[in-house]
PDB file of N, CA and C in Angstrom:
ATOM      1  N   MET A   1      37.188  14.535  40.265  1.00  0.00           N
ATOM      2  CA  MET A   1      36.206  13.850  39.463  1.00  0.00           C
ATOM      3  C   MET A   1      34.875  13.825  40.213  1.00  0.00           C
ATOM      4  N   ASP A   2      33.803  14.198  39.550  1.00  0.00           N
ATOM      5  CA  ASP A   2      32.474  14.267  40.147  1.00  0.00           C
ATOM      6  C   ASP A   2      31.759  12.936  39.934  1.00  0.00           C
ATOM      7  N   ILE A   3      31.794  12.081  40.947  1.00  0.00           N
ATOM      8  CA  ILE A   3      31.198  10.751  40.838  1.00  0.00           C
ATOM      9  C   ILE A   3      29.677  10.840  40.819  1.00  0.00           C
ATOM     10  N   ALA A   4      29.095  11.750  41.557  1.00  0.00           N
ATOM     11  CA  ALA A   4      27.628  11.884  41.582  1.00  0.00           C
ATOM     12  C   ALA A   4      27.117  12.308  40.206  1.00  0.00           C
ATOM     13  N   GLY A   5      27.800  13.236  39.566  1.00  0.00           N
ATOM     14  CA  GLY A   5      27.410  13.675  38.230  1.00  0.00           C
ATOM     15  C   GLY A   5      27.546  12.562  37.219  1.00  0.00           C
ATOM     16  N   THR A   6      28.613  11.801  37.314  1.00  0.00           N
ATOM     17  CA  THR A   6      28.836  10.668  36.407  1.00  0.00           C
ATOM     18  C   THR A   6      27.764   9.610  36.615  1.00  0.00           C
ATOM     19  N   LYS A   7      27.414   9.373  37.896  1.00  0.00           N
ATOM     20  CA  LYS A   7      26.386   8.382  38.216  1.00  0.00           C
ATOM     21  C   LYS A   7      25.059   8.798  37.580  1.00  0.00           C
ATOM     22  N   LYS A   8      24.718  10.091  37.681  1.00  0.00           N
ATOM     23  CA  LYS A   8      23.482  10.594  37.101  1.00  0.00           C
ATOM     24  C   LYS A   8      23.462  10.410  35.582  1.00  0.00           C
ATOM     25  N   LYS A   9      24.585  10.713  34.948  1.00  0.00           N
ATOM     26  CA  LYS A   9      24.676  10.574  33.500  1.00  0.00           C
ATOM     27  C   LYS A   9      24.518   9.122  33.076  1.00  0.00           C
ATOM     28  N   VAL A  10      25.137   8.214  33.820  1.00  0.00           N
ATOM     29  CA  VAL A  10      25.042   6.787  33.512  1.00  0.00           C
ATOM     30  C   VAL A  10      23.605   6.311  33.705  1.00  0.00           C
ATOM     31  N   GLN A  11      22.941   6.756  34.773  1.00  0.00           N
ATOM     32  CA  GLN A  11      21.554   6.365  35.016  1.00  0.00           C
ATOM     33  C   GLN A  11      20.645   6.875  33.897  1.00  0.00           C
ATOM     34  N   ARG A  12      20.899   8.128  33.477  1.00  0.00           N
ATOM     35  CA  ARG A  12      20.106   8.691  32.388  1.00  0.00           C
ATOM     36  C   ARG A  12      20.348   7.904  31.108  1.00  0.00           C
ATOM     37  N   LEU A  13      21.593   7.533  30.856  1.00  0.00           N
ATOM     38  CA  LEU A  13      21.937   6.742  29.679  1.00  0.00           C
ATOM     39  C   LEU A  13      21.242   5.388  29.720  1.00  0.00           C
ATOM     40  N   ILE A  14      21.211   4.762  30.890  1.00  0.00           N
ATOM     41  CA  ILE A  14      20.545   3.467  31.041  1.00  0.00           C
ATOM     42  C   ILE A  14      19.054   3.613  30.773  1.00  0.00           C
ATOM     43  N   LYS A  15      18.446   4.677  31.285  1.00  0.00           N
ATOM     44  CA  LYS A  15      17.020   4.912  31.080  1.00  0.00           C
ATOM     45  C   LYS A  15      16.701   5.085  29.593  1.00  0.00           C
ATOM     46  N   VAL A  16      17.512   5.892  28.910  1.00  0.00           N
ATOM     47  CA  VAL A  16      17.318   6.107  27.470  1.00  0.00           C
ATOM     48  C   VAL A  16      17.493   4.790  26.715  1.00  0.00           C
ATOM     49  N   ALA A  17      18.481   4.000  27.096  1.00  0.00           N
ATOM     50  CA  ALA A  17      18.723   2.715  26.433  1.00  0.00           C
ATOM     51  C   ALA A  17      17.541   1.771  26.642  1.00  0.00           C
ATOM     52  N   GLU A  18      16.996   1.728  27.852  1.00  0.00           N
ATOM     53  CA  GLU A  18      15.848   0.856  28.142  1.00  0.00           C
ATOM     54  C   GLU A  18      14.620   1.290  27.341  1.00  0.00           C
ATOM     55  N   GLU A  19      14.370   2.607  27.265  1.00  0.00           N
ATOM     56  CA  GLU A  19      13.242   3.106  26.488  1.00  0.00           C
ATOM     57  C   GLU A  19      13.419   2.799  25.005  1.00  0.00           C
ATOM     58  N   SER A  20      14.630   2.947  24.523  1.00  0.00           N
ATOM     59  CA  SER A  20      14.917   2.639  23.116  1.00  0.00           C
ATOM     60  C   SER A  20      14.697   1.158  22.841  1.00  0.00           C
ATOM     61  N   TYR A  21      15.153   0.313  23.755  1.00  0.00           N
ATOM     62  CA  TYR A  21      14.984  -1.130  23.600  1.00  0.00           C
ATOM     63  C   TYR A  21      13.494  -1.477  23.572  1.00  0.00           C
ATOM     64  N   LYS A  22      12.710  -0.843  24.451  1.00  0.00           N
ATOM     65  CA  LYS A  22      11.273  -1.097  24.501  1.00  0.00           C
ATOM     66  C   LYS A  22      10.620  -0.685  23.180  1.00  0.00           C
ATOM     67  N   LYS A  23      10.979   0.484  22.650  1.00  0.00           N
ATOM     68  CA  LYS A  23      10.410   0.952  21.388  1.00  0.00           C
ATOM     69  C   LYS A  23      10.799   0.039  20.231  1.00  0.00           C
ATOM     70  N   ILE A  24      12.042  -0.398  20.223  1.00  0.00           N
ATOM     71  CA  ILE A  24      12.501  -1.295  19.162  1.00  0.00           C
ATOM     72  C   ILE A  24      11.749  -2.615  19.232  1.00  0.00           C
ATOM     73  N   SER A  25      11.534  -3.123  20.442  1.00  0.00           N
ATOM     74  CA  SER A  25      10.785  -4.371  20.612  1.00  0.00           C
ATOM     75  C   SER A  25       9.355  -4.216  20.096  1.00  0.00           C
ATOM     76  N   GLU A  26       8.722  -3.080  20.405  1.00  0.00           N
ATOM     77  CA  GLU A  26       7.370  -2.825  19.922  1.00  0.00           C
ATOM     78  C   GLU A  26       7.339  -2.754  18.399  1.00  0.00           C
ATOM     79  N   LEU A  27       8.341  -2.088  17.824  1.00  0.00           N
ATOM     80  CA  LEU A  27       8.402  -1.997  16.363  1.00  0.00           C
ATOM     81  C   LEU A  27       8.599  -3.373  15.727  1.00  0.00           C
ATOM     82  N   LEU A  28       9.426  -4.202  16.343  1.00  0.00           N
ATOM     83  CA  LEU A  28       9.635  -5.552  15.814  1.00  0.00           C
ATOM     84  C   LEU A  28       8.348  -6.365  15.868  1.00  0.00           C
ATOM     85  N   GLU A  29       7.573  -6.217  16.949  1.00  0.00           N
ATOM     86  CA  GLU A  29       6.301  -6.916  17.050  1.00  0.00           C
ATOM     87  C   GLU A  29       5.331  -6.435  15.971  1.00  0.00           C
ATOM     88  N   ARG A  30       5.284  -5.118  15.761  1.00  0.00           N
ATOM     89  CA  ARG A  30       4.412  -4.580  14.723  1.00  0.00           C
ATOM     90  C   ARG A  30       4.831  -5.084  13.347  1.00  0.00           C
ATOM     91  N   MET A  31       6.127  -5.112  13.096  1.00  0.00           N
ATOM     92  CA  MET A  31       6.630  -5.605  11.804  1.00  0.00           C
ATOM     93  C   MET A  31       6.248  -7.067  11.606  1.00  0.00           C
ATOM     94  N   GLU A  32       6.324  -7.848  12.660  1.00  0.00           N
ATOM     95  CA  GLU A  32       5.967  -9.264  12.566  1.00  0.00           C
ATOM     96  C   GLU A  32       4.472  -9.414  12.261  1.00  0.00           C
ATOM     97  N   ARG A  33       3.633  -8.609  12.931  1.00  0.00           N
ATOM     98  CA  ARG A  33       2.195  -8.650  12.648  1.00  0.00           C
ATOM     99  C   ARG A  33       1.914  -8.226  11.211  1.00  0.00           C
ATOM    100  N   LEU A  34       2.603  -7.179  10.760  1.00  0.00           N
ATOM    101  CA  LEU A  34       2.414  -6.727   9.378  1.00  0.00           C
ATOM    102  C   LEU A  34       2.834  -7.809   8.383  1.00  0.00           C
ATOM    103  N   GLN A  35       3.923  -8.480   8.675  1.00  0.00           N
ATOM    104  CA  GLN A  35       4.391  -9.557   7.799  1.00  0.00           C
ATOM    105  C   GLN A  35       3.364 -10.673   7.740  1.00  0.00           C
ATOM    106  N   ASN A  36       2.802 -11.037   8.889  1.00  0.00           N
ATOM    107  CA  ASN A  36       1.766 -12.084   8.923  1.00  0.00           C
ATOM    108  C   ASN A  36       0.530 -11.642   8.149  1.00  0.00           C
ATOM    109  N   ASP A  37       0.124 -10.384   8.339  1.00  0.00           N
ATOM    110  CA  ASP A  37      -1.029  -9.858   7.602  1.00  0.00           C
ATOM    111  C   ASP A  37      -0.769  -9.867   6.103  1.00  0.00           C
ATOM    112  N   LEU A  38       0.438  -9.511   5.713  1.00  0.00           N
ATOM    113  CA  LEU A  38       0.801  -9.494   4.305  1.00  0.00           C
ATOM    114  C   LEU A  38       0.745 -10.894   3.708  1.00  0.00           C
ATOM    115  N   GLU A  39       1.257 -11.867   4.428  1.00  0.00           N
ATOM    116  CA  GLU A  39       1.232 -13.248   3.945  1.00  0.00           C
ATOM    117  C   GLU A  39      -0.202 -13.752   3.822  1.00  0.00           C
ATOM    118  N   THR A  40      -1.046 -13.431   4.808  1.00  0.00           N
ATOM    119  CA  THR A  40      -2.448 -13.833   4.764  1.00  0.00           C
ATOM    120  C   THR A  40      -3.149 -13.185   3.582  1.00  0.00           C
ATOM    121  N   THR A  41      -2.927 -11.903   3.404  1.00  0.00           N
ATOM    122  CA  THR A  41      -3.546 -11.174   2.289  1.00  0.00           C
ATOM    123  C   THR A  41      -3.074 -11.734   0.955  1.00  0.00           C
ATOM    124  N   SER A  42      -1.804 -12.047   0.859  1.00  0.00           N
ATOM    125  CA  SER A  42      -1.261 -12.608  -0.377  1.00  0.00           C
ATOM    126  C   SER A  42      -1.927 -13.945  -0.710  1.00  0.00           C
ATOM    127  N   ARG A  43      -2.104 -14.788   0.292  1.00  0.00           N
ATOM    128  CA  ARG A  43      -2.781 -16.074   0.074  1.00  0.00           C
ATOM    129  C   ARG A  43      -4.223 -15.850  -0.368  1.00  0.00           C
ATOM    130  N   GLN A  44      -4.895 -14.886   0.262  1.00  0.00           N
ATOM    131  CA  GLN A  44      -6.277 -14.592  -0.106  1.00  0.00           C
ATOM    132  C   GLN A  44      -6.370 -14.095  -1.545  1.00  0.00           C
ATOM    133  N   VAL A  45      -5.466 -13.213  -1.929  1.00  0.00           N
ATOM    134  CA  VAL A  45      -5.461 -12.689  -3.297  1.00  0.00           C
ATOM    135  C   VAL A  45      -5.193 -13.817  -4.295  1.00  0.00           C
ATOM    136  N   ASP A  46      -4.253 -14.683  -3.974  1.00  0.00           N
ATOM    137  CA  ASP A  46      -3.976 -15.825  -4.853  1.00  0.00           C
ATOM    138  C   ASP A  46      -5.229 -16.687  -5.030  1.00  0.00           C
ATOM    139  N   HIS A  47      -5.936 -16.916  -3.932  1.00  0.00           N
ATOM    140  CA  HIS A  47      -7.162 -17.727  -3.984  1.00  0.00           C
ATOM    141  C   HIS A  47      -8.228 -17.036  -4.835  1.00  0.00           C
ATOM    142  N   ILE A  48      -8.388 -15.740  -4.649  1.00  0.00           N
ATOM    143  CA  ILE A  48      -9.375 -14.977  -5.420  1.00  0.00           C
ATOM    144  C   ILE A  48      -9.020 -14.989  -6.903  1.00  0.00           C
ATOM    145  N   GLU A  49      -7.733 -14.819  -7.217  1.00  0.00           N
ATOM    146  CA  GLU A  49      -7.305 -14.848  -8.618  1.00  0.00           C
ATOM    147  C   GLU A  49      -7.603 -16.206  -9.256  1.00  0.00           C
ATOM    148  N   TYR A  50      -7.388 -17.274  -8.499  1.00  0.00           N
ATOM    149  CA  TYR A  50      -7.668 -18.614  -9.015  1.00  0.00           C
ATOM    150  C   TYR A  50      -9.163 -18.781  -9.279  1.00  0.00           C
ATOM    151  N   GLU A  51      -9.991 -18.366  -8.310  1.00  0.00           N
ATOM    152  CA  GLU A  51     -11.435 -18.471  -8.489  1.00  0.00           C
ATOM    153  C   GLU A  51     -11.911 -17.633  -9.676  1.00  0.00           C
ATOM    154  N   LEU A  52     -11.340 -16.445  -9.827  1.00  0.00           N
ATOM    155  CA  LEU A  52     -11.710 -15.574 -10.943  1.00  0.00           C
ATOM    156  C   LEU A  52     -11.348 -16.222 -12.282  1.00  0.00           C
ATOM    157  N   ALA A  53     -10.197 -16.857 -12.333  1.00  0.00           N
ATOM    158  CA  ALA A  53      -9.786 -17.541 -13.569  1.00  0.00           C
ATOM    159  C   ALA A  53     -10.749 -18.689 -13.877  1.00  0.00           C
ATOM    160  N   GLU A  54     -11.164 -19.422 -12.842  1.00  0.00           N
ATOM    161  CA  GLU A  54     -12.143 -20.495 -13.044  1.00  0.00           C
ATOM    162  C   GLU A  54     -13.455 -19.939 -13.600  1.00  0.00           C
ATOM    163  N   GLN A  55     -13.924 -18.856 -12.991  1.00  0.00           N
ATOM    164  CA  GLN A  55     -15.181 -18.252 -13.427  1.00  0.00           C
ATOM    165  C   GLN A  55     -15.085 -17.754 -14.868  1.00  0.00           C
ATOM    166  N   ARG A  56     -13.953 -17.182 -15.215  1.00  0.00           N
ATOM    167  CA  ARG A  56     -13.767 -16.678 -16.584  1.00  0.00           C
ATOM    168  C   ARG A  56     -13.861 -17.828 -17.588  1.00  0.00           C
ATOM    169  N   VAL A  57     -13.207 -18.938 -17.259  1.00  0.00           N
ATOM    170  CA  VAL A  57     -13.248 -20.097 -18.159  1.00  0.00           C
ATOM    171  C   VAL A  57     -14.683 -20.588 -18.321  1.00  0.00           C
ATOM    172  N   LEU A  58     -15.395 -20.662 -17.212  1.00  0.00           N
ATOM    173  CA  LEU A  58     -16.787 -21.126 -17.283  1.00  0.00           C
ATOM    174  C   LEU A  58     -17.658 -20.164 -18.088  1.00  0.00           C
ATOM    175  N   LEU A  59     -17.501 -18.860 -17.865  1.00  0.00           N
ATOM    176  CA  LEU A  59     -18.292 -17.877 -18.598  1.00  0.00           C
ATOM    177  C   LEU A  59     -17.976 -17.899 -20.094  1.00  0.00           C
ATOM    178  N   GLU A  60     -16.698 -18.039 -20.424  1.00  0.00           N
ATOM    179  CA  GLU A  60     -16.335 -18.111 -21.839  1.00  0.00           C
ATOM    180  C   GLU A  60     -16.907 -19.358 -22.491  1.00  0.00           C
ATOM    181  N   ALA A  61     -16.927 -20.475 -21.755  1.00  0.00           N
ATOM    182  CA  ALA A  61     -17.509 -21.706 -22.297  1.00  0.00           C
ATOM    183  C   ALA A  61     -19.008 -21.533 -22.517  1.00  0.00           C
ATOM    184  N   LEU A  62     -19.682 -20.911 -21.560  1.00  0.00           N
ATOM    185  CA  LEU A  62     -21.117 -20.651 -21.722  1.00  0.00           C
ATOM    186  C   LEU A  62     -21.371 -19.704 -22.889  1.00  0.00           C
ATOM    187  N   ALA A  63     -20.549 -18.672 -23.012  1.00  0.00           N
ATOM    188  CA  ALA A  63     -20.710 -17.713 -24.113  1.00  0.00           C
ATOM    189  C   ALA A  63     -20.506 -18.407 -25.451  1.00  0.00           C
ATOM    190  N   GLU A  64     -19.521 -19.268 -25.510  1.00  0.00           N
ATOM    191  CA  GLU A  64     -19.253 -19.995 -26.758  1.00  0.00           C
ATOM    192  C   GLU A  64     -20.433 -20.893 -27.125  1.00  0.00           C
ATOM    193  N   GLN A  65     -21.011 -21.553 -26.129  1.00  0.00           N
ATOM    194  CA  GLN A  65     -22.177 -22.414 -26.383  1.00  0.00           C
ATOM    195  C   GLN A  65     -23.350 -21.615 -26.943  1.00  0.00           C
ATOM    196  N   ARG A  66     -23.477 -20.372 -26.521  1.00  0.00           N
ATOM    197  CA  ARG A  66     -24.610 -19.546 -26.949  1.00  0.00           C
ATOM    198  C   ARG A  66     -24.259 -18.670 -28.152  1.00  0.00           C
ATOM    199  N   GLY A  67     -23.042 -18.820 -28.671  1.00  0.00           N
ATOM    200  CA  GLY A  67     -22.644 -18.086 -29.856  1.00  0.00           C
ATOM    201  C   GLY A  67     -22.276 -16.630 -29.603  1.00  0.00           C
ATOM    202  N   VAL A  68     -21.873 -16.310 -28.394  1.00  0.00           N
ATOM    203  CA  VAL A  68     -21.485 -14.938 -28.051  1.00  0.00           C
ATOM    204  C   VAL A  68     -19.977 -14.795 -28.247  1.00  0.00           C
ATOM    205  N   ASP A  69     -19.568 -13.750 -28.967  1.00  0.00           N
ATOM    206  CA  ASP A  69     -18.142 -13.474 -29.166  1.00  0.00           C
ATOM    207  C   ASP A  69     -17.632 -12.669 -27.975  1.00  0.00           C
ATOM    208  N   VAL A  70     -16.889 -13.324 -27.119  1.00  0.00           N
ATOM    209  CA  VAL A  70     -16.414 -12.714 -25.869  1.00  0.00           C
ATOM    210  C   VAL A  70     -15.534 -11.502 -26.146  1.00  0.00           C
ATOM    211  N   GLU A  71     -14.647 -11.601 -27.106  1.00  0.00           N
ATOM    212  CA  GLU A  71     -13.730 -10.497 -27.410  1.00  0.00           C
ATOM    213  C   GLU A  71     -14.487  -9.252 -27.865  1.00  0.00           C
ATOM    214  N   THR A  72     -15.529  -9.442 -28.664  1.00  0.00           N
ATOM    215  CA  THR A  72     -16.327  -8.310 -29.127  1.00  0.00           C
ATOM    216  C   THR A  72     -17.062  -7.665 -27.956  1.00  0.00           C
ATOM    217  N   VAL A  73     -17.637  -8.488 -27.098  1.00  0.00           N
ATOM    218  CA  VAL A  73     -18.358  -7.967 -25.932  1.00  0.00           C
ATOM    219  C   VAL A  73     -17.407  -7.170 -25.049  1.00  0.00           C
ATOM    220  N   LEU A  74     -16.205  -7.695 -24.813  1.00  0.00           N
ATOM    221  CA  LEU A  74     -15.220  -6.994 -23.979  1.00  0.00           C
ATOM    222  C   LEU A  74     -14.755  -5.698 -24.636  1.00  0.00           C
ATOM    223  N   ALA A  75     -14.576  -5.723 -25.944  1.00  0.00           N
ATOM    224  CA  ALA A  75     -14.129  -4.523 -26.652  1.00  0.00           C
ATOM    225  C   ALA A  75     -15.181  -3.420 -26.593  1.00  0.00           C
ATOM    226  N   GLU A  76     -16.455  -3.797 -26.595  1.00  0.00           N
ATOM    227  CA  GLU A  76     -17.533  -2.815 -26.573  1.00  0.00           C
ATOM    228  C   GLU A  76     -17.926  -2.388 -25.157  1.00  0.00           C
ATOM    229  N   ALA A  77     -17.444  -3.094 -24.161  1.00  0.00           N
ATOM    230  CA  ALA A  77     -17.817  -2.800 -22.771  1.00  0.00           C
ATOM    231  C   ALA A  77     -17.128  -1.532 -22.277  1.00  0.00           C
ATOM    232  N   ASP A  78     -17.810  -0.828 -21.402  1.00  0.00           N
ATOM    233  CA  ASP A  78     -17.257   0.385 -20.791  1.00  0.00           C
ATOM    234  C   ASP A  78     -16.551  -0.016 -19.499  1.00  0.00           C
ATOM    235  N   LEU A  79     -15.345  -0.552 -19.659  1.00  0.00           N
ATOM    236  CA  LEU A  79     -14.576  -1.052 -18.515  1.00  0.00           C
ATOM    237  C   LEU A  79     -13.603   0.016 -18.011  1.00  0.00           C
ATOM    238  N   PRO A  80     -13.283  -0.016 -16.733  1.00  0.00           N
ATOM    239  CA  PRO A  80     -12.239   0.886 -16.228  1.00  0.00           C
ATOM    240  C   PRO A  80     -10.891   0.461 -16.808  1.00  0.00           C
ATOM    241  N   PRO A  81      -9.879   1.329 -16.740  1.00  0.00           N
ATOM    242  CA  PRO A  81      -8.571   0.951 -17.279  1.00  0.00           C
ATOM    243  C   PRO A  81      -8.036  -0.307 -16.601  1.00  0.00           C
ATOM    244  N   GLU A  82      -7.321  -1.083 -17.372  1.00  0.00           N
ATOM    245  CA  GLU A  82      -6.731  -2.302 -16.830  1.00  0.00           C
ATOM    246  C   GLU A  82      -5.710  -1.933 -15.756  1.00  0.00           C
ATOM    247  N   PRO A  83      -5.701  -2.647 -14.626  1.00  0.00           N
ATOM    248  CA  PRO A  83      -4.752  -2.316 -13.556  1.00  0.00           C
ATOM    249  C   PRO A  83      -3.315  -2.356 -14.063  1.00  0.00           C
ATOM    250  N   GLY A  84      -2.554  -1.346 -13.664  1.00  0.00           N
ATOM    251  CA  GLY A  84      -1.147  -1.293 -14.018  1.00  0.00           C
ATOM    252  C   GLY A  84      -0.854  -0.550 -15.310  1.00  0.00           C
ATOM    253  N   THR A  85      -1.873  -0.240 -16.101  1.00  0.00           N
ATOM    254  CA  THR A  85      -1.611   0.422 -17.375  1.00  0.00           C
ATOM    255  C   THR A  85      -1.487   1.925 -17.233  1.00  0.00           C
ATOM    256  N   ASP A  86      -2.178   2.524 -16.279  1.00  0.00           N
ATOM    257  CA  ASP A  86      -2.171   3.974 -16.126  1.00  0.00           C
ATOM    258  C   ASP A  86      -1.467   4.435 -14.859  1.00  0.00           C
ATOM    259  N   LEU A  87      -0.606   3.629 -14.293  1.00  0.00           N
ATOM    260  CA  LEU A  87       0.059   4.000 -13.043  1.00  0.00           C
ATOM    261  C   LEU A  87       0.919   5.246 -13.206  1.00  0.00           C
ATOM    262  N   ALA A  88       1.666   5.346 -14.280  1.00  0.00           N
ATOM    263  CA  ALA A  88       2.541   6.508 -14.475  1.00  0.00           C
ATOM    264  C   ALA A  88       1.704   7.762 -14.680  1.00  0.00           C
ATOM    265  N   ALA A  89       0.652   7.657 -15.487  1.00  0.00           N
ATOM    266  CA  ALA A  89      -0.206   8.814 -15.740  1.00  0.00           C
ATOM    267  C   ALA A  89      -0.929   9.239 -14.470  1.00  0.00           C
ATOM    268  N   GLU A  90      -1.400   8.261 -13.681  1.00  0.00           N
ATOM    269  CA  GLU A  90      -2.074   8.585 -12.427  1.00  0.00           C
ATOM    270  C   GLU A  90      -1.123   9.246 -11.452  1.00  0.00           C
ATOM    271  N   SER A  91       0.112   8.782 -11.398  1.00  0.00           N
ATOM    272  CA  SER A  91       1.098   9.369 -10.492  1.00  0.00           C
ATOM    273  C   SER A  91       1.360  10.818 -10.860  1.00  0.00           C
ATOM    274  N   GLU A  92       1.513  11.094 -12.155  1.00  0.00           N
ATOM    275  CA  GLU A  92       1.743  12.470 -12.603  1.00  0.00           C
ATOM    276  C   GLU A  92       0.531  13.339 -12.309  1.00  0.00           C
ATOM    277  N   GLU A  93      -0.674  12.801 -12.564  1.00  0.00           N
ATOM    278  CA  GLU A  93      -1.892  13.560 -12.329  1.00  0.00           C
ATOM    279  C   GLU A  93      -2.054  13.870 -10.846  1.00  0.00           C
ATOM    280  N   THR A  94      -1.801  12.903  -9.988  1.00  0.00           N
ATOM    281  CA  THR A  94      -1.901  13.111  -8.550  1.00  0.00           C
ATOM    282  C   THR A  94      -0.890  14.139  -8.087  1.00  0.00           C
ATOM    283  N   ALA A  95       0.329  14.071  -8.597  1.00  0.00           N
ATOM    284  CA  ALA A  95       1.368  15.033  -8.218  1.00  0.00           C
ATOM    285  C   ALA A  95       0.971  16.439  -8.647  1.00  0.00           C
ATOM    286  N   THR A  96       0.388  16.575  -9.844  1.00  0.00           N
ATOM    287  CA  THR A  96      -0.046  17.877 -10.333  1.00  0.00           C
ATOM    288  C   THR A  96      -1.174  18.417  -9.471  1.00  0.00           C
ATOM    289  N   GLU A  97      -2.137  17.540  -9.125  1.00  0.00           N
ATOM    290  CA  GLU A  97      -3.250  17.964  -8.282  1.00  0.00           C
ATOM    291  C   GLU A  97      -2.750  18.411  -6.914  1.00  0.00           C
ATOM    292  N   GLN A  98      -1.806  17.677  -6.355  1.00  0.00           N
ATOM    293  CA  GLN A  98      -1.287  18.041  -5.045  1.00  0.00           C
ATOM    294  C   GLN A  98      -0.544  19.368  -5.112  1.00  0.00           C
ATOM    295  N   ALA A  99       0.191  19.565  -6.172  1.00  0.00           N
ATOM    296  CA  ALA A  99       0.965  20.791  -6.297  1.00  0.00           C
ATOM    297  C   ALA A  99       0.057  21.998  -6.493  1.00  0.00           C
ATOM    298  N   THR A 100      -1.046  21.821  -7.210  1.00  0.00           N
ATOM    299  CA  THR A 100      -1.924  22.953  -7.488  1.00  0.00           C
ATOM    300  C   THR A 100      -3.014  23.118  -6.446  1.00  0.00           C
ATOM    301  N   SER A 101      -3.161  22.169  -5.540  1.00  0.00           N
ATOM    302  CA  SER A 101      -4.225  22.275  -4.552  1.00  0.00           C
ATOM    303  C   SER A 101      -3.838  23.174  -3.386  1.00  0.00           C
ATOM    304  N   ARG A 102      -2.581  23.509  -3.274  1.00  0.00           N
ATOM    305  CA  ARG A 102      -2.139  24.393  -2.201  1.00  0.00           C
ATOM    306  C   ARG A 102      -2.242  25.836  -2.666  1.00  0.00           C
ATOM    307  N   PRO A 103      -2.742  26.697  -1.808  1.00  0.00           N
ATOM    308  CA  PRO A 103      -2.841  28.105  -2.217  1.00  0.00           C
ATOM    309  C   PRO A 103      -1.465  28.722  -2.360  1.00  0.00           C
ATOM    310  N   SER A 104      -1.347  29.577  -3.330  1.00  0.00           N
ATOM    311  CA  SER A 104      -0.079  30.260  -3.574  1.00  0.00           C
ATOM    312  C   SER A 104       0.077  31.387  -2.565  1.00  0.00           C
ATOM    313  N   ALA A 105       1.298  31.683  -2.224  1.00  0.00           N
ATOM    314  CA  ALA A 105       1.548  32.803  -1.320  1.00  0.00           C
ATOM    315  C   ALA A 105       1.349  34.087  -2.093  1.00  0.00           C
ATOM    316  N   ASP A 106       0.587  34.990  -1.551  1.00  0.00           N
ATOM    317  CA  ASP A 106       0.311  36.268  -2.210  1.00  0.00           C
ATOM    318  C   ASP A 106       1.401  37.255  -1.808  1.00  0.00           C
ATOM    319  N   THR A 107       2.299  37.556  -2.738  1.00  0.00           N
ATOM    320  CA  THR A 107       3.428  38.455  -2.438  1.00  0.00           C
ATOM    321  C   THR A 107       3.120  39.891  -2.805  1.00  0.00           C
ATOM    322  N   SER A 108       1.970  40.131  -3.425  1.00  0.00           N
ATOM    323  CA  SER A 108       1.645  41.494  -3.859  1.00  0.00           C
ATOM    324  C   SER A 108       1.256  42.405  -2.709  1.00  0.00           C
ATOM    325  N   SER A 109       0.881  41.839  -1.547  1.00  0.00           N
ATOM    326  CA  SER A 109       0.430  42.664  -0.432  1.00  0.00           C
ATOM    327  C   SER A 109       1.563  43.108   0.474  1.00  0.00           C
ATOM    328  N   GLU A 110       2.785  42.783   0.128  1.00  0.00           N
ATOM    329  CA  GLU A 110       3.913  43.144   0.976  1.00  0.00           C
ATOM    330  C   GLU A 110       4.247  44.597   0.914  1.00  0.00           C
TER     331      GLU A 110
END
């Protein structure tokens, strides 16, 4: 039995295990930071949505006082698509663009 060879293999195994543990620890720290960032962003978005709802109510009240039909104004406005309505179409369009943006292999010169 080669004890020196076994010792080397065990040392190498320990080194790989320590490096793996270090990488896993770093990944866990990054995941924790990402989770904190996500929670902060979520709170910010909730706050913005609340403020936007308040502003909408105030604007609609002002429009009503001045005799402006909000629904007509919105229907005539050149607004971008409502979020979430064109996700499937955008995904297909992006996939098509990606597929066609790569040059085709020219097999005629073989």
